[in-house]
N, C-alpha and C. Protein backbone atom coordinates (compact mmCIF):
# COMPACT_ATOMS: atom_id res chain seq x y z
N MET A 1 35.01 12.50 9.35
CA MET A 1 35.56 13.32 8.30
C MET A 1 34.76 13.10 7.02
N SER A 2 34.50 14.13 6.31
CA SER A 2 33.75 14.05 5.06
C SER A 2 34.66 13.72 3.90
N THR A 3 34.10 13.01 2.93
CA THR A 3 34.83 12.75 1.70
C THR A 3 34.08 13.41 0.55
N THR A 4 34.77 13.64 -0.51
CA THR A 4 34.17 14.28 -1.67
C THR A 4 33.62 13.22 -2.61
N THR A 5 32.40 13.44 -3.06
CA THR A 5 31.76 12.58 -4.05
C THR A 5 31.25 13.47 -5.17
N THR A 6 31.46 13.05 -6.39
CA THR A 6 30.98 13.82 -7.52
C THR A 6 29.72 13.16 -8.07
N LEU A 7 28.70 13.99 -8.27
CA LEU A 7 27.46 13.52 -8.87
C LEU A 7 27.27 14.22 -10.21
N LYS A 8 26.95 13.47 -11.22
CA LYS A 8 26.62 14.06 -12.51
C LYS A 8 25.11 14.16 -12.58
N LEU A 9 24.60 15.38 -12.55
CA LEU A 9 23.16 15.62 -12.52
C LEU A 9 22.69 16.19 -13.85
N PRO A 10 21.53 15.75 -14.31
CA PRO A 10 20.96 16.41 -15.48
C PRO A 10 20.71 17.89 -15.15
N GLU A 11 20.88 18.75 -16.12
CA GLU A 11 20.75 20.19 -15.89
C GLU A 11 19.39 20.55 -15.28
N GLU A 12 18.32 19.92 -15.77
CA GLU A 12 16.99 20.22 -15.24
C GLU A 12 16.89 19.88 -13.75
N LEU A 13 17.45 18.75 -13.35
CA LEU A 13 17.41 18.36 -11.94
C LEU A 13 18.25 19.32 -11.10
N LYS A 14 19.39 19.71 -11.61
CA LYS A 14 20.25 20.66 -10.91
C LYS A 14 19.50 21.97 -10.66
N GLU A 15 18.77 22.44 -11.67
CA GLU A 15 17.99 23.68 -11.52
C GLU A 15 16.86 23.50 -10.50
N ARG A 16 16.20 22.35 -10.54
CA ARG A 16 15.12 22.08 -9.58
C ARG A 16 15.66 22.03 -8.16
N ILE A 17 16.82 21.41 -7.98
CA ILE A 17 17.45 21.33 -6.66
C ILE A 17 17.81 22.73 -6.18
N ALA A 18 18.38 23.54 -7.05
CA ALA A 18 18.76 24.90 -6.67
C ALA A 18 17.53 25.69 -6.24
N ALA A 19 16.43 25.56 -6.97
CA ALA A 19 15.20 26.28 -6.62
C ALA A 19 14.63 25.78 -5.30
N ALA A 20 14.58 24.47 -5.11
CA ALA A 20 14.04 23.90 -3.87
C ALA A 20 14.92 24.27 -2.69
N ALA A 21 16.23 24.26 -2.88
CA ALA A 21 17.15 24.63 -1.81
C ALA A 21 16.97 26.09 -1.43
N ALA A 22 16.84 26.95 -2.43
CA ALA A 22 16.63 28.38 -2.15
C ALA A 22 15.33 28.59 -1.37
N ASP A 23 14.27 27.88 -1.78
CA ASP A 23 12.99 27.98 -1.06
C ASP A 23 13.12 27.54 0.39
N ALA A 24 13.99 26.56 0.62
CA ALA A 24 14.19 26.04 1.98
C ALA A 24 15.24 26.84 2.76
N GLY A 25 15.85 27.83 2.10
CA GLY A 25 16.87 28.64 2.76
C GLY A 25 18.16 27.88 2.98
N LYS A 26 18.47 26.97 2.08
CA LYS A 26 19.68 26.15 2.21
C LYS A 26 20.50 26.26 0.93
N SER A 27 21.73 25.84 1.04
CA SER A 27 22.56 25.74 -0.16
C SER A 27 22.16 24.46 -0.89
N PRO A 28 22.39 24.40 -2.20
CA PRO A 28 22.11 23.16 -2.91
C PRO A 28 22.85 21.96 -2.30
N HIS A 29 24.08 22.20 -1.86
CA HIS A 29 24.86 21.12 -1.24
C HIS A 29 24.15 20.61 0.02
N ALA A 30 23.77 21.52 0.91
CA ALA A 30 23.10 21.11 2.15
C ALA A 30 21.78 20.42 1.84
N PHE A 31 21.06 20.91 0.85
CA PHE A 31 19.79 20.31 0.45
C PHE A 31 20.01 18.87 -0.02
N MET A 32 21.03 18.66 -0.86
CA MET A 32 21.29 17.32 -1.37
C MET A 32 21.76 16.37 -0.27
N VAL A 33 22.60 16.85 0.63
CA VAL A 33 23.07 16.01 1.74
C VAL A 33 21.87 15.59 2.59
N GLU A 34 20.98 16.54 2.88
CA GLU A 34 19.78 16.23 3.67
C GLU A 34 18.89 15.24 2.94
N ALA A 35 18.72 15.43 1.64
CA ALA A 35 17.88 14.52 0.85
C ALA A 35 18.47 13.12 0.81
N LEU A 36 19.76 13.01 0.64
CA LEU A 36 20.41 11.70 0.64
C LEU A 36 20.31 11.02 1.99
N ALA A 37 20.47 11.79 3.07
CA ALA A 37 20.34 11.22 4.41
C ALA A 37 18.92 10.72 4.65
N ALA A 38 17.93 11.49 4.21
CA ALA A 38 16.53 11.10 4.39
C ALA A 38 16.21 9.83 3.60
N GLN A 39 16.67 9.75 2.36
CA GLN A 39 16.41 8.56 1.55
C GLN A 39 17.14 7.34 2.10
N THR A 40 18.33 7.54 2.63
CA THR A 40 19.07 6.44 3.23
C THR A 40 18.34 5.92 4.47
N ALA A 41 17.87 6.83 5.31
CA ALA A 41 17.11 6.43 6.51
C ALA A 41 15.84 5.68 6.11
N LEU A 42 15.16 6.15 5.07
CA LEU A 42 13.96 5.49 4.59
C LEU A 42 14.27 4.07 4.11
N ALA A 43 15.33 3.91 3.35
CA ALA A 43 15.73 2.59 2.86
C ALA A 43 16.08 1.66 4.01
N GLU A 44 16.76 2.19 5.03
CA GLU A 44 17.12 1.37 6.19
C GLU A 44 15.87 0.93 6.96
N ARG A 45 14.93 1.85 7.15
CA ARG A 45 13.68 1.49 7.85
C ARG A 45 12.90 0.46 7.04
N ARG A 46 12.88 0.62 5.73
CA ARG A 46 12.18 -0.34 4.87
C ARG A 46 12.82 -1.72 4.98
N ARG A 47 14.15 -1.77 5.01
CA ARG A 47 14.85 -3.06 5.13
C ARG A 47 14.49 -3.74 6.43
N VAL A 48 14.45 -2.99 7.54
CA VAL A 48 14.07 -3.56 8.84
C VAL A 48 12.62 -4.05 8.81
N PHE A 49 11.73 -3.25 8.20
CA PHE A 49 10.32 -3.63 8.11
C PHE A 49 10.14 -4.92 7.32
N VAL A 50 10.81 -5.01 6.17
CA VAL A 50 10.69 -6.20 5.33
C VAL A 50 11.27 -7.42 6.06
N ALA A 51 12.37 -7.25 6.75
CA ALA A 51 12.95 -8.37 7.51
C ALA A 51 11.99 -8.84 8.59
N ALA A 52 11.33 -7.91 9.27
CA ALA A 52 10.36 -8.28 10.30
C ALA A 52 9.17 -9.00 9.67
N ALA A 53 8.74 -8.56 8.50
CA ALA A 53 7.63 -9.22 7.82
C ALA A 53 8.01 -10.65 7.42
N HIS A 54 9.22 -10.83 6.92
CA HIS A 54 9.68 -12.18 6.56
C HIS A 54 9.75 -13.07 7.80
N ALA A 55 10.25 -12.53 8.90
CA ALA A 55 10.34 -13.30 10.14
C ALA A 55 8.94 -13.68 10.63
N ALA A 56 7.99 -12.77 10.53
CA ALA A 56 6.62 -13.06 10.94
C ALA A 56 6.01 -14.13 10.06
N ALA A 57 6.27 -14.06 8.76
CA ALA A 57 5.74 -15.07 7.84
C ALA A 57 6.32 -16.45 8.15
N GLN A 58 7.61 -16.49 8.48
CA GLN A 58 8.24 -17.76 8.84
C GLN A 58 7.65 -18.31 10.14
N GLU A 59 7.37 -17.41 11.08
CA GLU A 59 6.78 -17.84 12.35
C GLU A 59 5.39 -18.42 12.13
N VAL A 60 4.60 -17.77 11.30
CA VAL A 60 3.26 -18.28 10.99
C VAL A 60 3.38 -19.63 10.29
N ALA A 61 4.31 -19.74 9.34
CA ALA A 61 4.50 -21.00 8.63
C ALA A 61 4.93 -22.11 9.59
N GLN A 62 5.75 -21.77 10.58
CA GLN A 62 6.25 -22.77 11.52
C GLN A 62 5.18 -23.20 12.52
N TYR A 63 4.46 -22.23 13.09
CA TYR A 63 3.52 -22.54 14.17
C TYR A 63 2.07 -22.53 13.72
N GLY A 64 1.76 -21.82 12.65
CA GLY A 64 0.39 -21.75 12.15
C GLY A 64 -0.57 -20.97 13.03
N LEU A 65 -0.05 -20.11 13.91
CA LEU A 65 -0.90 -19.34 14.82
C LEU A 65 -1.03 -17.90 14.34
N VAL A 66 -2.25 -17.40 14.32
CA VAL A 66 -2.51 -16.04 13.91
C VAL A 66 -3.57 -15.42 14.82
N TYR A 67 -3.69 -14.10 14.77
CA TYR A 67 -4.71 -13.38 15.53
C TYR A 67 -5.67 -12.71 14.55
N ASP A 68 -6.93 -12.64 14.91
CA ASP A 68 -7.92 -11.93 14.12
C ASP A 68 -7.69 -10.43 14.31
N ALA A 69 -7.51 -9.71 13.21
CA ALA A 69 -7.19 -8.29 13.29
C ALA A 69 -8.28 -7.49 13.99
N ASP A 70 -9.56 -7.80 13.72
CA ASP A 70 -10.66 -7.06 14.37
C ASP A 70 -10.62 -7.25 15.89
N GLU A 71 -10.31 -8.47 16.33
CA GLU A 71 -10.22 -8.72 17.78
C GLU A 71 -9.05 -7.95 18.39
N VAL A 72 -7.94 -7.91 17.69
CA VAL A 72 -6.76 -7.20 18.19
C VAL A 72 -7.05 -5.70 18.27
N PHE A 73 -7.63 -5.14 17.21
CA PHE A 73 -7.94 -3.71 17.22
C PHE A 73 -8.94 -3.37 18.30
N GLY A 74 -9.95 -4.20 18.47
CA GLY A 74 -10.94 -3.98 19.53
C GLY A 74 -10.29 -4.02 20.90
N TYR A 75 -9.41 -4.97 21.11
CA TYR A 75 -8.69 -5.10 22.37
C TYR A 75 -7.86 -3.84 22.65
N LEU A 76 -7.12 -3.39 21.62
CA LEU A 76 -6.29 -2.20 21.80
C LEU A 76 -7.13 -0.95 22.06
N GLN A 77 -8.24 -0.83 21.36
CA GLN A 77 -9.11 0.34 21.58
C GLN A 77 -9.67 0.33 23.00
N ASP A 78 -10.10 -0.82 23.48
CA ASP A 78 -10.61 -0.92 24.85
C ASP A 78 -9.53 -0.56 25.86
N LYS A 79 -8.30 -1.06 25.65
CA LYS A 79 -7.20 -0.77 26.57
C LYS A 79 -6.90 0.73 26.58
N LEU A 80 -6.93 1.36 25.40
CA LEU A 80 -6.66 2.80 25.33
C LEU A 80 -7.74 3.61 26.05
N LYS A 81 -8.95 3.09 26.07
CA LYS A 81 -10.04 3.78 26.75
C LYS A 81 -10.06 3.47 28.25
N GLY A 82 -9.11 2.64 28.71
CA GLY A 82 -9.04 2.30 30.12
C GLY A 82 -10.01 1.20 30.52
N LYS A 83 -10.62 0.54 29.56
CA LYS A 83 -11.57 -0.53 29.85
C LYS A 83 -10.83 -1.84 30.08
N ARG A 84 -11.48 -2.73 30.80
CA ARG A 84 -10.94 -4.09 30.92
C ARG A 84 -11.17 -4.76 29.57
N ALA A 85 -10.20 -5.45 29.12
CA ALA A 85 -10.30 -6.05 27.80
C ALA A 85 -9.82 -7.49 27.85
N LYS A 86 -10.52 -8.33 27.14
CA LYS A 86 -10.14 -9.74 27.03
C LYS A 86 -9.10 -9.86 25.91
N ARG A 87 -7.98 -10.44 26.25
CA ARG A 87 -6.92 -10.59 25.24
C ARG A 87 -7.37 -11.52 24.14
N PRO A 88 -7.07 -11.16 22.90
CA PRO A 88 -7.42 -12.07 21.79
C PRO A 88 -6.61 -13.35 21.89
N LYS A 89 -7.18 -14.41 21.39
CA LYS A 89 -6.49 -15.70 21.42
C LYS A 89 -5.99 -16.02 20.01
N ALA A 90 -4.82 -16.61 19.98
CA ALA A 90 -4.27 -17.06 18.69
C ALA A 90 -5.06 -18.28 18.22
N VAL A 91 -5.29 -18.32 16.92
CA VAL A 91 -6.00 -19.46 16.35
C VAL A 91 -5.10 -20.13 15.32
N LYS A 92 -5.27 -21.44 15.20
CA LYS A 92 -4.46 -22.21 14.26
C LYS A 92 -5.01 -22.00 12.85
N LEU A 93 -4.13 -21.80 11.90
CA LEU A 93 -4.55 -21.65 10.50
C LEU A 93 -5.05 -22.96 9.95
């Protein structure tokens, strides 16, 4: 079930939203709901990405093992081309 939320928008932004919504063939309401959903999804993906980065940093700090990016990219490119590829080895920092 939907709930009502009131947004106080500056007049200029309201006009820009109305114009963009009209160009997209949508009502201003539908345009704003879609925009809010997109920004929420973006924020959620960013939160997951940052959490994964923090976890990776903690893992490196704990074990000190890393891979050379050039070796990893070369390995992946060879695999994509169907070539036999030697897996990169982790090295201690």
